[in-house]
C-alpha atoms as a PDB file:
ATOM      1  CA  MET A   1     108.739 150.832  79.474  1.00  0.00           C
ATOM      2  CA  THR A   2     109.973 151.729  76.002  1.00  0.00           C
ATOM      3  CA  GLN A   3     113.539 151.398  74.791  1.00  0.00           C
ATOM      4  CA  GLU A   4     115.256 151.371  71.441  1.00  0.00           C
ATOM      5  CA  THR A   5     117.554 148.610  70.216  1.00  0.00           C
ATOM      6  CA  VAL A   6     119.386 147.748  66.988  1.00  0.00           C
ATOM      7  CA  ILE A   7     119.414 144.567  64.911  1.00  0.00           C
ATOM      8  CA  ASP A   8     122.993 143.348  64.398  1.00  0.00           C
ATOM      9  CA  ASP A   9     124.421 141.760  61.235  1.00  0.00           C
ATOM     10  CA  LYS A  10     123.299 138.297  62.436  1.00  0.00           C
ATOM     11  CA  GLY A  11     119.703 139.432  63.030  1.00  0.00           C
ATOM     12  CA  ARG A  12     120.020 139.553  66.826  1.00  0.00           C
ATOM     13  CA  ILE A  13     118.715 142.221  69.159  1.00  0.00           C
ATOM     14  CA  VAL A  14     119.764 143.036  72.705  1.00  0.00           C
ATOM     15  CA  ILE A  15     117.204 143.280  75.506  1.00  0.00           C
ATOM     16  CA  SER A  16     118.616 145.666  78.106  1.00  0.00           C
ATOM     17  CA  LYS A  17     119.433 144.432  81.612  1.00  0.00           C
ATOM     18  CA  GLU A  18     116.815 146.814  83.004  1.00  0.00           C
ATOM     19  CA  VAL A  19     114.062 145.185  80.913  1.00  0.00           C
ATOM     20  CA  ARG A  20     115.337 141.629  81.530  1.00  0.00           C
ATOM     21  CA  ASP A  21     115.381 142.229  85.278  1.00  0.00           C
ATOM     22  CA  ALA A  22     111.937 143.865  85.278  1.00  0.00           C
ATOM     23  CA  LEU A  23     110.443 140.899  83.390  1.00  0.00           C
ATOM     24  CA  GLY A  24     112.447 138.154  85.080  1.00  0.00           C
ATOM     25  CA  LEU A  25     114.129 137.081  81.832  1.00  0.00           C
ATOM     26  CA  LYS A  26     117.150 134.811  82.294  1.00  0.00           C
ATOM     27  CA  LYS A  27     119.906 133.549  79.986  1.00  0.00           C
ATOM     28  CA  GLY A  28     118.707 130.552  77.964  1.00  0.00           C
ATOM     29  CA  MET A  29     115.012 131.195  78.692  1.00  0.00           C
ATOM     30  CA  ALA A  30     112.701 130.364  75.770  1.00  0.00           C
ATOM     31  CA  LEU A  31     110.597 133.174  74.333  1.00  0.00           C
ATOM     32  CA  LYS A  32     107.743 133.152  71.824  1.00  0.00           C
ATOM     33  CA  LEU A  33     107.936 135.691  69.013  1.00  0.00           C
ATOM     34  CA  HIS A  34     104.748 136.965  67.369  1.00  0.00           C
ATOM     35  CA  ALA A  35     104.841 139.187  64.275  1.00  0.00           C
ATOM     36  CA  GLU A  36     101.666 141.282  64.077  1.00  0.00           C
ATOM     37  CA  SER A  37     101.186 144.050  61.541  1.00  0.00           C
ATOM     38  CA  ASN A  38     104.102 146.369  62.215  1.00  0.00           C
ATOM     39  CA  ARG A  39     105.062 144.891  65.604  1.00  0.00           C
ATOM     40  CA  ILE A  40     107.182 142.144  67.075  1.00  0.00           C
ATOM     41  CA  ILE A  41     105.871 140.797  70.375  1.00  0.00           C
ATOM     42  CA  LEU A  42     108.039 138.648  72.644  1.00  0.00           C
ATOM     43  CA  GLU A  43     106.605 136.691  75.548  1.00  0.00           C
ATOM     44  CA  LYS A  44     107.868 134.000  77.872  1.00  0.00           C
ATOM     45  CA  ALA A  45     107.271 130.517  76.492  1.00  0.00           C
ATOM     46  CA  VAL A  46     105.545 128.235  78.976  1.00  0.00           C
ATOM     47  CA  ALA A  47     106.455 124.543  78.956  1.00  0.00           C
ATOM     48  CA  PRO A  48     103.468 122.170  79.192  1.00  0.00           C
ATOM     49  CA  GLU A  49     104.779 120.869  82.534  1.00  0.00           C
ATOM     50  CA  GLU A  50     104.977 124.403  83.924  1.00  0.00           C
ATOM     51  CA  LEU A  51     101.445 125.155  82.749  1.00  0.00           C
ATOM     52  CA  ILE A  52     100.125 122.021  84.443  1.00  0.00           C
ATOM     53  CA  GLU A  53     101.943 122.920  87.670  1.00  0.00           C
ATOM     54  CA  ASN A  54     100.557 126.475  87.543  1.00  0.00           C
ATOM     55  CA  MET A  55      97.016 125.174  86.993  1.00  0.00           C
ATOM     56  CA  LYS A  56      96.965 123.004  90.128  1.00  0.00           C
ATOM     57  CA  GLY A  57      94.142 124.112  92.372  1.00  0.00           C
ATOM     58  CA  PHE A  58      92.069 125.757  89.624  1.00  0.00           C
ATOM     59  CA  VAL A  59      89.627 122.858  89.519  1.00  0.00           C
ATOM     60  CA  LYS A  60      88.130 121.781  92.820  1.00  0.00           C
ATOM     61  CA  LYS A  61      88.137 118.090  93.678  1.00  0.00           C
ATOM     62  CA  GLY A  62      84.860 116.485  92.648  1.00  0.00           C
ATOM     63  CA  SER A  63      84.087 119.150  90.016  1.00  0.00           C
ATOM     64  CA  LYS A  64      82.812 118.007  86.644  1.00  0.00           C
ATOM     65  CA  VAL A  65      85.412 118.868  84.028  1.00  0.00           C
ATOM     66  CA  PRO A  66      84.555 118.703  80.311  1.00  0.00           C
ATOM     67  CA  VAL A  67      86.475 116.049  78.392  1.00  0.00           C
ATOM     68  CA  SER A  68      88.774 117.389  75.654  1.00  0.00           C
ATOM     69  CA  ASP A  69      90.096 115.597  72.601  1.00  0.00           C
ATOM     70  CA  PRO A  70      93.902 115.205  72.993  1.00  0.00           C
ATOM     71  CA  LEU A  71      94.393 116.180  69.336  1.00  0.00           C
ATOM     72  CA  ASP A  72      92.601 119.488  69.952  1.00  0.00           C
ATOM     73  CA  LEU A  73      94.887 120.150  72.910  1.00  0.00           C
ATOM     74  CA  LYS A  74      97.952 119.274  70.815  1.00  0.00           C
ATOM     75  CA  ASN A  75      96.945 121.876  68.212  1.00  0.00           C
ATOM     76  CA  ILE A  76      96.805 124.560  70.907  1.00  0.00           C
ATOM     77  CA  TRP A  77     100.532 124.048  71.586  1.00  0.00           C
ATOM     78  CA  LYS A  78     101.567 124.568  67.945  1.00  0.00           C
END
């Protein structure tokens, strides 16, 4: 889906209702913005708690899971 939008005098853009509905975007929802080359990419931000909840069941009980350094994990979230 491709649409055109305009940046207003405060630097804001409008995401059309059609796109918001298609992507499940709601008022107040946090988004991540990535600037790459000549593009701006927006994606839903995932809270650490939501990520943990979504990951439940990925590792079977009794499986050996590698130990990670908490500081390495913290850097991932920056």
